[in-house]
Amino acid sequence: MSATTTIAPANLEEVQTAICAHERLVVRGGGTKPALSTTDDGATVLATHRLTGIVEYTPGEFVFTARAGTPLQEIAATLAEHGQYLPFDPPLVAAGATLGGTIAAGLSGSGRQRYGGVRDFLIGVRFVDGQGRLVRGGGKVVKNAAGFDLPRLFVGSIGRLGVVVEASFKVFPQPSQYATVRAPQLTLDDALATIARLNRSTFDLEAVDLLIEDGAPVLYIRQGGLATTLAARQQSLLTWLGGGAPLADEAAFWADANAFAWVPADCTLVKTPLTLHTIPVLEQVLHAHGAQRRYFGGGAAVWIAWTGELDTLDAFLTTLQLSGLILRGAAPWPFIGARPGATLAARVKRVLDPTNRFPTL
C-alpha cells in the first residue's frame, strides 16, 4: 500500500488549486472522527487545519462566521466571553474537533435536547466543489431564507460533496448554571415512558440521556438557567419524577459524555438516529452482544460502542430501517444500516462532484 500524501491549503485559492490538481481527495479536519476520513490507495488527504480563524462575530446579532478548520474549543471560548454558546453541544470539543468537521459529520451532543441539532443552527456555508468552483449557500444573517438550502445538504455529507471553507452559525445565550438529576428506573419500559412524558412536559430541559448501568436503566436529566431559580426548578422536576437525586459533579459527567470517555479504546463507535419505539428491539441486540450504549436527545439517537463484527450490526440496523455512521474503528466505509437519503445525495454529488474527486456517497 502506498504512503498517504497530505496537503494543507492555507486559504481559499489554495483549496481550489489543490482540488483541480488531484484526481482523488479525502477531506480531514481535526482527525477526531478517523473513520470518516479513511483513505485508500491513490487518494490525497486535504487537511483543513490551516483554514482557521473567526472571520466575523456580532454578539448583538447572535451570529458568527468562521473558517472550517477553526477548532471548536476556540469558538466556544470566544462565545463564552459574551455569555453565548453553541446549543447543539458538538462532541469532541476538547479533543480538537473543528467547525467544518462537525458540519460534515452532522454531529450534535446531548445538549441538542432543547433547541435541536447542528442543522438547526447552520445558516450559511462557503465551499469549493469537485470542479474547483467556489459556491455560497445561505448567508450570514438569521433572516435569510432565499434560494436552495445548500447548507443543510452539507450537514452529514462527510466531505463527499466538496470542501467547506467557511460557515456561519446562529448562537444562543448560555445558561449561567446547570443542574442534573439522576433518576434510576425499574425497567426499560418505565424509562421510555418517563422520557415520553418528559418530551411532552413543560420543563425546559437541556439534556435527557438514558444509560444502562449494571443492567438497569438510569435517566440523566439536565436543566440550565439562573442560579436564583434553578434549585427550585430542580426540586419541581424531582417531585414530578417521584424519585431521583441531584448529581454531585454534573459538569464532569457531561464533559465525559462529550469526550466519549465511556467508550473503550478497542470499540467501533457508531451513531444511530432512532425513535423511542425502536429502542426496545435495538436494546435486545445491543445487550446480547455486550455493546455499551448511550441513548441521548430524549431518545432521538444512540451512541453505540460495538465490539463484534460490523456486518452483524449492519444487518440488524438495516432490518429496523435505521442508519448508522461509524466515527471510530476499522471500517472501509463509514455508513452502515439503511440509507433513506442516499438517492438524493447521489444526485447532488453528480452536480457538485461529477468526476468523483471525493469519495462516493
Protein backbone atom coordinates (compact mmCIF):
# COMPACT_ATOMS: atom_id res chain seq x y z
CA MET A 1 0.00 0.00 0.00
CA SER A 2 1.38 3.40 -0.94
CA ALA A 3 2.00 6.12 1.62
CA THR A 4 -0.74 8.69 2.02
CA THR A 5 0.05 12.20 0.81
CA THR A 6 -1.34 15.08 2.86
CA ILE A 7 -1.78 18.65 1.68
CA ALA A 8 -2.86 21.56 3.89
CA PRO A 9 -4.06 24.61 1.98
CA ALA A 10 -3.90 27.87 3.91
CA ASN A 11 -6.53 29.85 2.01
CA LEU A 12 -9.42 29.60 -0.42
CA GLU A 13 -7.28 29.88 -3.54
CA GLU A 14 -5.02 27.05 -2.38
CA VAL A 15 -8.06 24.86 -1.77
CA GLN A 16 -9.28 25.49 -5.31
CA THR A 17 -5.84 24.76 -6.77
CA ALA A 18 -5.49 21.58 -4.73
CA ILE A 19 -8.85 20.23 -5.84
CA CYS A 20 -8.11 20.86 -9.51
CA ALA A 21 -4.66 19.30 -9.20
CA HIS A 22 -5.67 15.99 -7.59
CA GLU A 23 -7.93 13.31 -9.04
CA ARG A 24 -8.89 11.79 -5.68
CA LEU A 25 -9.17 13.60 -2.35
CA VAL A 26 -10.28 12.84 1.19
CA VAL A 27 -11.05 15.81 3.45
CA ARG A 28 -9.86 15.74 7.06
CA GLY A 29 -10.49 18.26 9.83
CA GLY A 30 -9.22 17.72 13.36
CA GLY A 31 -8.97 13.94 12.94
CA THR A 32 -11.18 13.27 15.97
CA LYS A 33 -13.50 11.03 13.92
CA PRO A 34 -10.94 8.98 11.96
CA ALA A 35 -13.39 6.56 10.35
CA LEU A 36 -14.82 9.46 8.34
CA SER A 37 -11.52 10.28 6.64
CA THR A 38 -10.14 6.82 5.90
CA THR A 39 -8.06 6.82 2.71
CA ASP A 40 -7.35 4.15 0.15
CA ASP A 41 -4.55 3.85 -2.44
CA GLY A 42 -4.16 6.92 -4.58
CA ALA A 43 -6.24 9.34 -2.50
CA THR A 44 -4.65 12.51 -1.15
CA VAL A 45 -5.69 13.88 2.24
CA LEU A 46 -6.77 17.52 2.13
CA ALA A 47 -6.34 18.74 5.71
CA THR A 48 -8.17 21.88 6.79
CA HIS A 49 -6.19 22.68 9.95
CA ARG A 50 -4.64 25.81 8.39
CA LEU A 51 -8.03 27.26 7.41
CA THR A 52 -8.63 28.79 10.81
CA GLY A 53 -9.97 31.91 12.44
CA ILE A 54 -13.24 33.62 13.29
CA VAL A 55 -13.96 35.89 10.33
CA GLU A 56 -16.87 37.83 11.78
CA TYR A 57 -18.73 37.81 15.09
CA THR A 58 -21.55 40.11 16.10
CA PRO A 59 -22.62 39.22 19.66
CA GLY A 60 -25.61 41.52 19.49
CA GLU A 61 -26.91 39.64 16.44
CA PHE A 62 -26.04 36.21 17.89
CA VAL A 63 -24.24 35.21 14.69
CA PHE A 64 -20.64 34.32 13.84
CA THR A 65 -18.71 33.24 10.75
CA ALA A 66 -15.53 31.17 10.97
CA ARG A 67 -13.23 29.20 8.71
CA ALA A 68 -13.81 25.47 8.57
CA GLY A 69 -10.61 24.38 10.26
CA THR A 70 -11.20 26.53 13.34
CA PRO A 71 -11.17 24.36 16.50
CA LEU A 72 -14.50 24.35 18.30
CA GLN A 73 -12.64 24.99 21.54
CA GLU A 74 -11.54 28.38 20.19
CA ILE A 75 -15.06 29.22 19.06
CA ALA A 76 -16.56 28.13 22.40
CA ALA A 77 -14.08 30.30 24.32
CA THR A 78 -14.88 33.37 22.20
CA LEU A 79 -18.63 32.87 22.54
CA ALA A 80 -18.31 32.34 26.30
CA GLU A 81 -16.73 35.79 26.69
CA HIS A 82 -20.11 37.17 25.64
CA GLY A 83 -22.25 34.67 27.54
CA GLN A 84 -23.14 32.71 24.39
CA TYR A 85 -22.69 29.13 23.20
CA LEU A 86 -23.48 26.51 20.56
CA PRO A 87 -26.62 24.89 21.99
CA PHE A 88 -26.37 21.73 19.86
CA ASP A 89 -23.42 20.65 22.04
CA PRO A 90 -20.94 19.46 19.37
CA PRO A 91 -18.97 16.41 20.58
CA LEU A 92 -15.20 16.11 21.00
CA VAL A 93 -14.58 19.81 21.59
CA ALA A 94 -11.68 19.22 23.98
CA ALA A 95 -10.18 16.62 21.62
CA GLY A 96 -9.78 19.18 18.82
CA ALA A 97 -12.91 18.81 16.70
CA THR A 98 -13.26 21.55 14.08
CA LEU A 99 -16.21 23.55 12.84
CA GLY A 100 -16.10 22.04 9.35
CA GLY A 101 -15.68 18.51 10.65
CA THR A 102 -18.71 18.91 12.88
CA ILE A 103 -20.80 20.08 9.92
CA ALA A 104 -19.53 17.28 7.70
CA ALA A 105 -20.22 14.63 10.34
CA GLY A 106 -23.56 16.18 11.26
CA LEU A 107 -22.89 15.55 14.94
CA SER A 108 -24.72 17.03 17.89
CA GLY A 109 -24.41 16.02 21.52
CA SER A 110 -26.71 15.54 24.47
CA GLY A 111 -27.39 19.27 24.61
CA ARG A 112 -29.40 19.12 21.39
CA GLN A 113 -32.42 18.20 23.53
CA ARG A 114 -33.85 21.69 23.90
CA TYR A 115 -33.01 23.57 20.72
CA GLY A 116 -32.17 21.00 18.06
CA GLY A 117 -29.09 19.79 16.21
CA VAL A 118 -26.32 21.32 14.12
CA ARG A 119 -28.56 21.71 11.06
CA ASP A 120 -30.85 23.99 13.08
CA PHE A 121 -28.03 26.49 13.73
CA LEU A 122 -26.09 26.47 10.47
CA ILE A 123 -27.24 29.45 8.39
CA GLY A 124 -24.60 29.69 5.68
CA VAL A 125 -21.61 27.96 4.07
CA ARG A 126 -18.95 28.72 1.51
CA PHE A 127 -17.48 25.63 -0.12
CA VAL A 128 -15.37 24.54 -3.05
CA ASP A 129 -16.97 21.79 -5.13
CA GLY A 130 -15.33 18.96 -7.05
CA GLN A 131 -14.70 21.21 -10.03
CA GLY A 132 -12.84 23.85 -8.01
CA ARG A 133 -15.74 26.30 -8.05
CA LEU A 134 -16.47 28.50 -5.03
CA VAL A 135 -20.13 28.24 -4.07
CA ARG A 136 -22.04 30.10 -1.36
CA GLY A 137 -25.20 28.76 0.23
CA GLY A 138 -27.33 30.60 2.80
CA GLY A 139 -25.98 33.78 4.35
CA LYS A 140 -24.52 35.47 7.41
CA VAL A 141 -27.79 36.60 8.96
CA VAL A 142 -30.56 34.61 10.58
CA LYS A 143 -33.36 36.12 8.45
CA ASN A 144 -32.16 34.72 5.16
CA ALA A 145 -34.41 32.11 3.58
CA ALA A 146 -33.76 32.78 -0.08
CA GLY A 147 -32.68 30.07 -2.51
CA PHE A 148 -31.98 26.34 -2.24
CA ASP A 149 -30.95 25.16 1.24
CA LEU A 150 -27.38 24.17 0.40
CA PRO A 151 -26.07 24.50 3.97
CA ARG A 152 -28.22 21.64 5.24
CA LEU A 153 -27.06 19.40 2.40
CA PHE A 154 -23.57 19.63 3.85
CA VAL A 155 -24.67 18.52 7.31
CA GLY A 156 -23.67 14.86 7.40
CA SER A 157 -22.09 14.88 3.92
CA ILE A 158 -18.69 13.85 5.43
CA GLY A 159 -16.64 15.63 2.81
CA ARG A 160 -18.18 13.94 -0.20
CA LEU A 161 -19.78 16.97 -1.85
CA GLY A 162 -16.96 19.49 -1.54
CA VAL A 163 -14.69 21.25 0.92
CA VAL A 164 -16.42 23.62 3.33
CA VAL A 165 -14.09 26.60 3.76
CA GLU A 166 -16.29 28.90 5.84
CA ALA A 167 -19.53 28.60 7.80
CA SER A 168 -21.96 30.92 9.59
CA PHE A 169 -23.94 29.92 12.67
CA LYS A 170 -26.53 31.46 14.91
CA VAL A 171 -25.91 31.10 18.65
CA PHE A 172 -27.88 31.49 21.88
CA PRO A 173 -27.27 32.91 25.38
CA GLN A 174 -25.69 30.26 27.60
CA PRO A 175 -27.36 29.32 30.91
CA SER A 176 -25.38 30.71 33.84
CA GLN A 177 -25.70 27.49 35.80
CA TYR A 178 -26.66 23.84 35.30
CA ALA A 179 -28.08 21.08 37.47
CA THR A 180 -28.64 17.39 36.70
CA VAL A 181 -30.95 14.79 38.20
CA ARG A 182 -30.02 11.10 38.24
CA ALA A 183 -33.19 9.02 38.15
CA PRO A 184 -32.90 5.19 38.23
CA GLN A 185 -35.79 3.34 36.56
CA LEU A 186 -37.19 -0.11 37.36
CA THR A 187 -37.41 -1.30 33.76
CA LEU A 188 -36.61 -0.12 30.25
CA ASP A 189 -40.33 0.37 29.60
CA ASP A 190 -40.52 2.62 32.66
CA ALA A 191 -37.55 4.64 31.41
CA LEU A 192 -39.03 5.09 27.93
CA ALA A 193 -42.41 6.06 29.37
CA THR A 194 -40.72 8.67 31.56
CA ILE A 195 -38.80 10.07 28.57
CA ALA A 196 -42.03 10.27 26.58
CA ARG A 197 -43.68 12.17 29.42
CA LEU A 198 -40.68 14.50 29.72
CA ASN A 199 -40.78 15.20 25.99
CA ARG A 200 -44.41 16.26 26.37
CA SER A 201 -43.90 18.21 29.57
CA THR A 202 -43.40 21.93 30.09
CA PHE A 203 -39.97 21.50 31.68
CA ASP A 204 -37.13 23.34 29.94
CA LEU A 205 -34.54 20.57 29.69
CA GLU A 206 -31.01 20.83 28.34
CA ALA A 207 -30.42 17.08 28.05
CA VAL A 208 -32.17 13.76 28.64
CA ASP A 209 -29.86 10.75 28.39
CA LEU A 210 -30.60 7.10 29.08
CA LEU A 211 -27.74 4.89 30.27
CA ILE A 212 -27.68 1.21 31.21
CA GLU A 213 -25.76 0.85 34.47
CA ASP A 214 -25.18 -2.65 35.89
CA GLY A 215 -28.01 -3.88 33.70
CA ALA A 216 -30.51 -1.26 34.94
CA PRO A 217 -31.77 1.84 33.11
CA VAL A 218 -30.89 5.25 34.55
CA LEU A 219 -32.01 8.65 33.30
CA TYR A 220 -29.82 11.74 33.50
CA ILE A 221 -31.83 14.93 33.13
CA ARG A 222 -30.10 18.30 32.86
CA GLN A 223 -31.57 21.75 33.43
CA GLY A 224 -29.97 25.15 32.96
CA GLY A 225 -30.81 28.70 33.90
CA LEU A 226 -30.39 31.39 36.53
CA ALA A 227 -28.83 30.37 39.82
CA THR A 228 -31.68 32.12 41.66
CA THR A 229 -34.34 29.83 40.20
CA LEU A 230 -32.52 26.63 39.24
CA ALA A 231 -32.71 24.93 42.65
CA ALA A 232 -36.47 25.36 42.79
CA ARG A 233 -36.85 24.11 39.22
CA GLN A 234 -34.77 21.04 40.01
CA GLN A 235 -36.88 20.30 43.08
CA SER A 236 -40.02 20.62 40.95
CA LEU A 237 -38.57 18.10 38.49
CA LEU A 238 -37.69 15.67 41.31
CA THR A 239 -41.22 15.90 42.67
CA TRP A 240 -42.66 15.31 39.20
CA LEU A 241 -40.41 12.27 38.73
CA GLY A 242 -41.31 10.85 42.10
CA GLY A 243 -37.69 9.89 42.74
CA GLY A 244 -34.09 10.52 41.84
CA ALA A 245 -31.39 12.73 43.29
CA PRO A 246 -29.20 15.65 42.24
CA LEU A 247 -25.96 14.62 40.54
CA ALA A 248 -22.98 15.92 42.51
CA ASP A 249 -20.33 16.53 39.83
CA GLU A 250 -22.62 17.15 36.92
CA ALA A 251 -20.17 19.26 34.88
CA ALA A 252 -17.62 16.43 34.77
CA PHE A 253 -20.36 13.95 33.86
CA TRP A 254 -21.39 15.88 30.76
CA ALA A 255 -17.79 16.68 29.82
CA ASP A 256 -17.06 12.93 29.82
CA ALA A 257 -20.14 12.40 27.65
CA ASN A 258 -18.91 15.00 25.15
CA ALA A 259 -15.47 13.36 25.04
CA PHE A 260 -16.82 9.77 24.76
CA ALA A 261 -14.77 8.92 27.83
CA TRP A 262 -17.05 5.93 28.44
CA VAL A 263 -16.14 4.28 25.10
CA PRO A 264 -13.43 1.56 25.34
CA ALA A 265 -10.43 2.15 23.07
CA ASP A 266 -10.93 -1.07 21.09
CA CYS A 267 -14.58 -0.41 20.21
CA THR A 268 -16.12 0.83 16.99
CA LEU A 269 -18.13 3.95 17.77
CA VAL A 270 -21.38 4.29 15.83
CA LYS A 271 -24.06 6.98 15.93
CA THR A 272 -27.61 5.91 15.06
CA PRO A 273 -30.72 8.13 14.89
CA LEU A 274 -33.83 6.36 16.17
CA THR A 275 -37.14 6.80 17.96
CA LEU A 276 -38.41 5.72 21.35
CA HIS A 277 -40.42 2.96 19.67
CA THR A 278 -37.36 1.28 18.18
CA ILE A 279 -35.25 1.33 21.35
CA PRO A 280 -36.67 -1.88 22.95
CA VAL A 281 -35.84 -4.07 19.93
CA LEU A 282 -32.44 -2.46 19.40
CA GLU A 283 -31.65 -2.73 23.10
CA GLN A 284 -32.12 -6.53 22.99
CA VAL A 285 -29.43 -6.87 20.32
CA LEU A 286 -27.01 -4.43 21.91
CA HIS A 287 -27.36 -6.16 25.27
CA ALA A 288 -26.92 -9.62 23.73
CA HIS A 289 -23.67 -8.55 22.03
CA GLY A 290 -22.28 -6.79 25.08
CA ALA A 291 -22.25 -3.37 23.41
CA GLN A 292 -22.06 -0.31 25.60
CA ARG A 293 -24.55 2.37 24.57
CA ARG A 294 -25.85 5.78 25.48
CA TYR A 295 -29.26 6.97 24.29
CA PHE A 296 -29.48 10.75 24.06
CA GLY A 297 -31.59 13.61 22.79
CA GLY A 298 -34.69 12.33 24.55
CA GLY A 299 -34.49 9.04 22.68
CA ALA A 300 -33.70 10.59 19.29
CA ALA A 301 -30.32 8.88 18.84
CA VAL A 302 -27.85 6.45 20.37
CA TRP A 303 -24.08 6.17 20.58
CA ILE A 304 -23.04 2.53 20.24
CA ALA A 305 -19.65 1.14 21.32
CA TRP A 306 -19.58 -2.07 19.26
CA THR A 307 -17.05 -4.87 19.75
CA GLY A 308 -18.35 -7.56 17.39
CA GLU A 309 -18.44 -7.94 13.63
CA LEU A 310 -19.83 -4.83 11.96
CA ASP A 311 -21.76 -6.99 9.49
CA THR A 312 -23.97 -8.12 12.37
CA LEU A 313 -24.83 -4.59 13.43
CA ASP A 314 -25.21 -3.54 9.79
CA ALA A 315 -27.74 -6.28 9.11
CA PHE A 316 -29.77 -5.54 12.19
CA LEU A 317 -29.90 -1.79 11.61
CA THR A 318 -30.98 -2.45 8.03
CA THR A 319 -33.79 -4.70 9.26
CA LEU A 320 -35.02 -1.91 11.53
CA GLN A 321 -34.55 0.68 8.76
CA LEU A 322 -32.07 2.55 10.94
CA SER A 323 -28.92 4.20 9.65
CA GLY A 324 -25.52 4.23 11.32
CA LEU A 325 -22.44 6.44 10.97
CA ILE A 326 -19.09 4.99 12.05
CA LEU A 327 -16.90 7.57 13.77
CA ARG A 328 -14.09 5.42 15.11
CA GLY A 329 -12.84 1.94 14.35
CA ALA A 330 -11.52 -0.03 11.40
CA ALA A 331 -14.09 0.40 8.66
CA PRO A 332 -13.53 0.93 4.91
CA TRP A 333 -16.95 2.57 4.59
CA PRO A 334 -18.44 4.91 7.22
CA PHE A 335 -22.11 4.07 6.60
CA ILE A 336 -23.99 1.04 7.90
CA GLY A 337 -27.66 0.14 8.03
CA ALA A 338 -30.36 1.72 5.91
CA ARG A 339 -29.67 4.90 3.91
CA PRO A 340 -33.00 6.52 3.05
CA GLY A 341 -31.41 9.72 1.71
CA ALA A 342 -28.75 8.06 -0.44
CA THR A 343 -30.53 8.61 -3.77
CA LEU A 344 -30.89 12.36 -3.27
CA ALA A 345 -27.29 12.64 -2.00
CA ALA A 346 -26.01 10.83 -5.09
CA ARG A 347 -27.93 13.20 -7.39
CA VAL A 348 -26.47 16.25 -5.63
CA LYS A 349 -23.00 14.75 -5.80
CA ARG A 350 -23.25 14.26 -9.57
CA VAL A 351 -23.81 18.02 -9.88
CA LEU A 352 -21.16 19.19 -7.44
CA ASP A 353 -18.54 16.49 -8.00
CA PRO A 354 -19.19 14.86 -11.40
CA THR A 355 -15.71 13.28 -11.67
CA ASN A 356 -15.80 11.82 -8.13
CA ARG A 357 -12.72 13.58 -6.80
CA PHE A 358 -14.19 12.98 -3.34
CA PRO A 359 -15.27 9.54 -2.05
CA THR A 360 -18.62 8.23 -3.21
CA LEU A 361 -21.78 8.58 -1.20
